[in-house]
Amino acid sequence: MHKENLSASEALEKLKAGNQRYLSATANPGDVSPKIRHKTCTEGQEPYAIVITCSDSRVIPESIFSAGIGELFVIRVAGNVMDKHQLGSVEYAADHLGCNLVVVLGHDNCGAVGAAISDKPGGYVKYITDEILKAIGEEKDPLKASCLNAQKAAQIIKESLDIKEGEGPTVCSAVYHIDSGEVEFLDK
């Protein structure tokens, strides 16, 4: 059984405030101390938000939101696409850890989105780009495509986990601007 967690609106405000601190930060102010490592090891984790994002090495949710150990439940996959594994992770964090906010965080300059727009990749990458193409349709603008892709993933979460407005966690989408560090929330 999980402890009571922040409400979705409180968690969203905490993410927004953390992103504002990040815009001028030179290091992550989140708590990564030996004390918090020990506490989360012995008492468990209590993340206040679930963040699904791309595997891109420039997109680091804990830094982007000025969070420390145990504050975010992060799920990373190229192109922030959703499948049963990611959905199971969201379900676990919501049901067992009490997270009330799910953010699908796309980003600009996404290689997976770019590949979906311009290439016809083979191999296993095709599984990712095929999902992105379902989300973006004929969109050729990379930023708009990244936004559509994040919004589609949020929709998949709501539909697959049968999350109705006002019930369960709040699910929203956002896009991270790599150059400025700003997170633009698309739904709120």
C-alpha atoms as a PDB file:
ATOM      1  CA  MET A   1       0.000   0.000   0.000  1.00  0.00           C
ATOM      2  CA  HIS A   2       1.342   3.405  -0.915  1.00  0.00           C
ATOM      3  CA  LYS A   3       1.385   6.549   1.157  1.00  0.00           C
ATOM      4  CA  GLU A   4      -0.723   9.557   0.187  1.00  0.00           C
ATOM      5  CA  ASN A   5       1.015  11.437  -2.591  1.00  0.00           C
ATOM      6  CA  LEU A   6       0.786  14.937  -4.029  1.00  0.00           C
ATOM      7  CA  SER A   7      -2.322  15.736  -6.043  1.00  0.00           C
ATOM      8  CA  ALA A   8      -1.908  15.989  -9.812  1.00  0.00           C
ATOM      9  CA  SER A   9      -2.102  19.791  -9.700  1.00  0.00           C
ATOM     10  CA  GLU A  10       0.461  19.992  -6.868  1.00  0.00           C
ATOM     11  CA  ALA A  11       2.784  17.637  -8.768  1.00  0.00           C
ATOM     12  CA  LEU A  12       2.404  19.669 -11.977  1.00  0.00           C
ATOM     13  CA  GLU A  13       3.247  22.901 -10.135  1.00  0.00           C
ATOM     14  CA  LYS A  14       6.285  21.216  -8.573  1.00  0.00           C
ATOM     15  CA  LEU A  15       7.475  20.122 -12.048  1.00  0.00           C
ATOM     16  CA  LYS A  16       6.954  23.619 -13.458  1.00  0.00           C
ATOM     17  CA  ALA A  17       8.829  25.230 -10.546  1.00  0.00           C
ATOM     18  CA  GLY A  18      11.659  22.719 -10.927  1.00  0.00           C
ATOM     19  CA  ASN A  19      11.906  23.472 -14.644  1.00  0.00           C
ATOM     20  CA  GLN A  20      12.130  27.202 -13.869  1.00  0.00           C
ATOM     21  CA  ARG A  21      15.057  26.539 -11.489  1.00  0.00           C
ATOM     22  CA  TYR A  22      16.707  24.369 -14.159  1.00  0.00           C
ATOM     23  CA  LEU A  23      16.654  27.171 -16.750  1.00  0.00           C
ATOM     24  CA  SER A  24      19.437  28.998 -14.920  1.00  0.00           C
ATOM     25  CA  ALA A  25      21.073  26.082 -13.084  1.00  0.00           C
ATOM     26  CA  THR A  26      24.608  24.869 -13.671  1.00  0.00           C
ATOM     27  CA  ALA A  27      24.101  21.706 -11.603  1.00  0.00           C
ATOM     28  CA  ASN A  28      21.098  19.659 -10.502  1.00  0.00           C
ATOM     29  CA  PRO A  29      19.838  20.998  -7.155  1.00  0.00           C
ATOM     30  CA  GLY A  30      17.882  17.781  -6.488  1.00  0.00           C
ATOM     31  CA  ASP A  31      18.848  15.747  -3.450  1.00  0.00           C
ATOM     32  CA  VAL A  32      21.239  12.943  -4.438  1.00  0.00           C
ATOM     33  CA  SER A  33      22.900  12.709  -1.027  1.00  0.00           C
ATOM     34  CA  PRO A  34      23.942   9.513   0.760  1.00  0.00           C
ATOM     35  CA  LYS A  35      21.148  10.276   3.260  1.00  0.00           C
ATOM     36  CA  ILE A  36      18.399  10.204   0.605  1.00  0.00           C
ATOM     37  CA  ARG A  37      19.923   7.121  -1.014  1.00  0.00           C
ATOM     38  CA  HIS A  38      19.769   5.330   2.338  1.00  0.00           C
ATOM     39  CA  LYS A  39      16.251   6.606   3.082  1.00  0.00           C
ATOM     40  CA  THR A  40      14.840   5.449  -0.268  1.00  0.00           C
ATOM     41  CA  CYS A  41      16.645   2.135   0.084  1.00  0.00           C
ATOM     42  CA  THR A  42      15.214   1.384   3.513  1.00  0.00           C
ATOM     43  CA  GLU A  43      11.821   3.125   3.280  1.00  0.00           C
ATOM     44  CA  GLY A  44      11.099   2.794  -0.442  1.00  0.00           C
ATOM     45  CA  GLN A  45      10.421   5.309  -3.143  1.00  0.00           C
ATOM     46  CA  GLU A  46       7.699   7.961  -3.134  1.00  0.00           C
ATOM     47  CA  PRO A  47       7.806   9.630  -6.558  1.00  0.00           C
ATOM     48  CA  TYR A  48       5.335  12.462  -7.042  1.00  0.00           C
ATOM     49  CA  ALA A  49       5.106  12.133 -10.844  1.00  0.00           C
ATOM     50  CA  ILE A  50       5.581   9.632 -13.651  1.00  0.00           C
ATOM     51  CA  VAL A  51       7.540  10.935 -16.646  1.00  0.00           C
ATOM     52  CA  ILE A  52       7.633   8.994 -19.909  1.00  0.00           C
ATOM     53  CA  THR A  53      10.280  10.401 -22.189  1.00  0.00           C
ATOM     54  CA  CYS A  54      12.718   9.644 -24.971  1.00  0.00           C
ATOM     55  CA  SER A  55      15.998   7.819 -24.448  1.00  0.00           C
ATOM     56  CA  ASP A  56      17.849  10.800 -25.963  1.00  0.00           C
ATOM     57  CA  SER A  57      20.909  11.521 -23.794  1.00  0.00           C
ATOM     58  CA  ARG A  58      20.106  15.265 -23.794  1.00  0.00           C
ATOM     59  CA  VAL A  59      16.730  14.718 -22.127  1.00  0.00           C
ATOM     60  CA  ILE A  60      17.303  14.086 -18.408  1.00  0.00           C
ATOM     61  CA  PRO A  61      14.015  14.438 -16.494  1.00  0.00           C
ATOM     62  CA  GLU A  62      15.612  14.591 -13.038  1.00  0.00           C
ATOM     63  CA  SER A  63      17.711  17.560 -14.164  1.00  0.00           C
ATOM     64  CA  ILE A  64      14.997  19.200 -16.286  1.00  0.00           C
ATOM     65  CA  PHE A  65      12.665  19.245 -13.284  1.00  0.00           C
ATOM     66  CA  SER A  66      15.356  19.823 -10.604  1.00  0.00           C
ATOM     67  CA  ALA A  67      14.439  16.539  -8.935  1.00  0.00           C
ATOM     68  CA  GLY A  68      16.486  14.242  -6.768  1.00  0.00           C
ATOM     69  CA  ILE A  69      16.497  10.553  -5.961  1.00  0.00           C
ATOM     70  CA  GLY A  70      13.027   9.092  -5.455  1.00  0.00           C
ATOM     71  CA  GLU A  71      11.057  12.086  -6.751  1.00  0.00           C
ATOM     72  CA  LEU A  72      10.258  11.003 -10.322  1.00  0.00           C
ATOM     73  CA  PHE A  73       9.314   7.613 -11.752  1.00  0.00           C
ATOM     74  CA  VAL A  74      10.978   7.843 -15.165  1.00  0.00           C
ATOM     75  CA  ILE A  75      10.243   5.596 -18.135  1.00  0.00           C
ATOM     76  CA  ARG A  76      12.532   6.084 -21.130  1.00  0.00           C
ATOM     77  CA  VAL A  77      12.178   4.669 -24.622  1.00  0.00           C
ATOM     78  CA  ALA A  78      13.255   6.096 -27.980  1.00  0.00           C
ATOM     79  CA  GLY A  79      10.542   8.347 -29.335  1.00  0.00           C
ATOM     80  CA  ASN A  80       8.583   8.070 -26.061  1.00  0.00           C
ATOM     81  CA  VAL A  81       6.330   5.497 -27.723  1.00  0.00           C
ATOM     82  CA  MET A  82       3.936   3.403 -25.667  1.00  0.00           C
ATOM     83  CA  ASP A  83       3.638  -0.363 -25.634  1.00  0.00           C
ATOM     84  CA  LYS A  84       2.551  -2.894 -23.021  1.00  0.00           C
ATOM     85  CA  HIS A  85       5.853  -2.630 -21.135  1.00  0.00           C
ATOM     86  CA  GLN A  86       5.594   1.142 -20.707  1.00  0.00           C
ATOM     87  CA  LEU A  87       1.877   0.886 -19.888  1.00  0.00           C
ATOM     88  CA  GLY A  88       2.654  -1.709 -17.212  1.00  0.00           C
ATOM     89  CA  SER A  89       5.248   0.630 -15.724  1.00  0.00           C
ATOM     90  CA  VAL A  90       2.751   3.521 -15.645  1.00  0.00           C
ATOM     91  CA  GLU A  91       0.123   1.270 -14.093  1.00  0.00           C
ATOM     92  CA  TYR A  92       2.590   0.103 -11.413  1.00  0.00           C
ATOM     93  CA  ALA A  93       3.672   3.633 -10.466  1.00  0.00           C
ATOM     94  CA  ALA A  94       0.094   4.903 -10.328  1.00  0.00           C
ATOM     95  CA  ASP A  95      -1.410   1.938  -8.474  1.00  0.00           C
ATOM     96  CA  HIS A  96       1.433   0.915  -6.160  1.00  0.00           C
ATOM     97  CA  LEU A  97       3.382   4.137  -5.649  1.00  0.00           C
ATOM     98  CA  GLY A  98       0.427   6.530  -5.660  1.00  0.00           C
ATOM     99  CA  CYS A  99       1.572   8.848  -8.444  1.00  0.00           C
ATOM    100  CA  ASN A 100      -1.269  11.153  -9.456  1.00  0.00           C
ATOM    101  CA  LEU A 101       0.417  12.782 -12.460  1.00  0.00           C
ATOM    102  CA  VAL A 102       1.685  11.204 -15.680  1.00  0.00           C
ATOM    103  CA  VAL A 103       3.637  13.404 -18.104  1.00  0.00           C
ATOM    104  CA  VAL A 104       4.590  12.261 -21.586  1.00  0.00           C
ATOM    105  CA  LEU A 105       7.616  14.426 -22.358  1.00  0.00           C
ATOM    106  CA  GLY A 106       8.541  14.677 -26.030  1.00  0.00           C
ATOM    107  CA  HIS A 107      11.342  16.941 -27.198  1.00  0.00           C
ATOM    108  CA  ASP A 108      12.490  18.945 -30.183  1.00  0.00           C
ATOM    109  CA  ASN A 109      15.282  17.606 -32.400  1.00  0.00           C
ATOM    110  CA  CYS A 110      14.123  14.046 -31.697  1.00  0.00           C
ATOM    111  CA  GLY A 111      16.028  11.548 -33.809  1.00  0.00           C
ATOM    112  CA  ALA A 112      13.222   8.985 -33.695  1.00  0.00           C
ATOM    113  CA  VAL A 113      10.657  11.535 -34.887  1.00  0.00           C
ATOM    114  CA  GLY A 114      13.093  12.728 -37.562  1.00  0.00           C
ATOM    115  CA  ALA A 115      13.605   9.156 -38.724  1.00  0.00           C
ATOM    116  CA  ALA A 116       9.852   8.626 -38.924  1.00  0.00           C
ATOM    117  CA  ILE A 117       9.448  11.782 -41.020  1.00  0.00           C
ATOM    118  CA  SER A 118      12.348  11.354 -43.417  1.00  0.00           C
ATOM    119  CA  ASP A 119      13.634   7.786 -43.392  1.00  0.00           C
ATOM    120  CA  LYS A 120      12.240   4.351 -43.857  1.00  0.00           C
ATOM    121  CA  PRO A 121      14.318   2.532 -41.238  1.00  0.00           C
ATOM    122  CA  GLY A 122      14.481  -1.216 -41.033  1.00  0.00           C
ATOM    123  CA  GLY A 123      15.307  -3.563 -38.232  1.00  0.00           C
ATOM    124  CA  TYR A 124      13.839  -3.007 -34.810  1.00  0.00           C
ATOM    125  CA  VAL A 125      13.882   0.794 -35.230  1.00  0.00           C
ATOM    126  CA  LYS A 126      10.953   0.354 -37.615  1.00  0.00           C
ATOM    127  CA  TYR A 127       8.766  -0.676 -34.656  1.00  0.00           C
ATOM    128  CA  ILE A 128       9.418   2.724 -33.097  1.00  0.00           C
ATOM    129  CA  THR A 129       9.021   4.807 -36.258  1.00  0.00           C
ATOM    130  CA  ASP A 130       5.833   2.946 -37.239  1.00  0.00           C
ATOM    131  CA  GLU A 131       4.271   3.977 -33.908  1.00  0.00           C
ATOM    132  CA  ILE A 132       5.419   7.565 -34.396  1.00  0.00           C
ATOM    133  CA  LEU A 133       3.952   7.638 -37.910  1.00  0.00           C
ATOM    134  CA  LYS A 134       0.581   6.532 -36.489  1.00  0.00           C
ATOM    135  CA  ALA A 135       0.746   9.542 -34.169  1.00  0.00           C
ATOM    136  CA  ILE A 136       1.941  12.206 -36.612  1.00  0.00           C
ATOM    137  CA  GLY A 137       0.203  11.228 -39.831  1.00  0.00           C
ATOM    138  CA  GLU A 138       1.466  13.422 -42.686  1.00  0.00           C
ATOM    139  CA  GLU A 139       3.043  16.098 -40.418  1.00  0.00           C
ATOM    140  CA  LYS A 140       6.495  17.075 -41.684  1.00  0.00           C
ATOM    141  CA  ASP A 141       7.386  19.841 -39.217  1.00  0.00           C
ATOM    142  CA  PRO A 142       9.641  18.127 -36.635  1.00  0.00           C
ATOM    143  CA  LEU A 143       8.453  20.182 -33.627  1.00  0.00           C
ATOM    144  CA  LYS A 144       4.772  19.772 -34.454  1.00  0.00           C
ATOM    145  CA  ALA A 145       5.383  16.066 -35.043  1.00  0.00           C
ATOM    146  CA  SER A 146       7.074  15.738 -31.618  1.00  0.00           C
ATOM    147  CA  CYS A 147       4.072  17.434 -29.999  1.00  0.00           C
ATOM    148  CA  LEU A 148       1.608  15.170 -31.823  1.00  0.00           C
ATOM    149  CA  ASN A 149       3.639  12.128 -30.841  1.00  0.00           C
ATOM    150  CA  ALA A 150       3.622  13.084 -27.136  1.00  0.00           C
ATOM    151  CA  GLN A 151      -0.105  13.832 -27.261  1.00  0.00           C
ATOM    152  CA  LYS A 152      -0.816  10.469 -28.896  1.00  0.00           C
ATOM    153  CA  ALA A 153       1.168   8.634 -26.215  1.00  0.00           C
ATOM    154  CA  ALA A 154      -0.841  10.456 -23.519  1.00  0.00           C
ATOM    155  CA  GLN A 155      -4.050   9.414 -25.294  1.00  0.00           C
ATOM    156  CA  ILE A 156      -2.873   5.794 -25.454  1.00  0.00           C
ATOM    157  CA  ILE A 157      -2.220   5.824 -21.700  1.00  0.00           C
ATOM    158  CA  LYS A 158      -5.678   7.201 -20.935  1.00  0.00           C
ATOM    159  CA  GLU A 159      -7.436   4.751 -23.240  1.00  0.00           C
ATOM    160  CA  SER A 160      -5.381   1.662 -22.404  1.00  0.00           C
ATOM    161  CA  LEU A 161      -5.576   2.146 -18.641  1.00  0.00           C
ATOM    162  CA  ASP A 162      -9.191   3.344 -18.908  1.00  0.00           C
ATOM    163  CA  ILE A 163      -8.464   6.624 -17.144  1.00  0.00           C
ATOM    164  CA  LYS A 164     -11.501   8.897 -17.122  1.00  0.00           C
ATOM    165  CA  GLU A 165     -11.416  12.638 -16.450  1.00  0.00           C
ATOM    166  CA  GLY A 166     -11.346  13.193 -12.698  1.00  0.00           C
ATOM    167  CA  GLU A 167     -10.574   9.530 -11.945  1.00  0.00           C
ATOM    168  CA  GLY A 168      -7.121   8.038 -11.536  1.00  0.00           C
ATOM    169  CA  PRO A 169      -3.971   9.941 -12.369  1.00  0.00           C
ATOM    170  CA  THR A 170      -3.988  13.053 -14.532  1.00  0.00           C
ATOM    171  CA  VAL A 171      -2.248  12.392 -17.847  1.00  0.00           C
ATOM    172  CA  CYS A 172      -0.759  15.247 -19.859  1.00  0.00           C
ATOM    173  CA  SER A 173       1.788  15.841 -22.586  1.00  0.00           C
ATOM    174  CA  ALA A 174       4.665  18.273 -22.882  1.00  0.00           C
ATOM    175  CA  VAL A 175       7.620  19.049 -25.105  1.00  0.00           C
ATOM    176  CA  TYR A 176      11.136  19.836 -23.915  1.00  0.00           C
ATOM    177  CA  HIS A 177      13.108  22.430 -25.853  1.00  0.00           C
ATOM    178  CA  ILE A 178      16.700  21.197 -25.779  1.00  0.00           C
ATOM    179  CA  ASP A 179      18.341  24.546 -26.543  1.00  0.00           C
ATOM    180  CA  SER A 180      16.511  26.671 -23.949  1.00  0.00           C
ATOM    181  CA  GLY A 181      15.765  23.939 -21.394  1.00  0.00           C
ATOM    182  CA  GLU A 182      12.127  25.015 -21.220  1.00  0.00           C
ATOM    183  CA  VAL A 183       9.297  22.509 -20.877  1.00  0.00           C
ATOM    184  CA  GLU A 184       6.115  23.513 -22.668  1.00  0.00           C
ATOM    185  CA  PHE A 185       3.049  21.751 -21.288  1.00  0.00           C
ATOM    186  CA  LEU A 186       0.670  21.074 -24.156  1.00  0.00           C
ATOM    187  CA  ASP A 187      -2.521  20.234 -22.261  1.00  0.00           C
ATOM    188  CA  LYS A 188      -2.588  22.622 -19.332  1.00  0.00           C
END
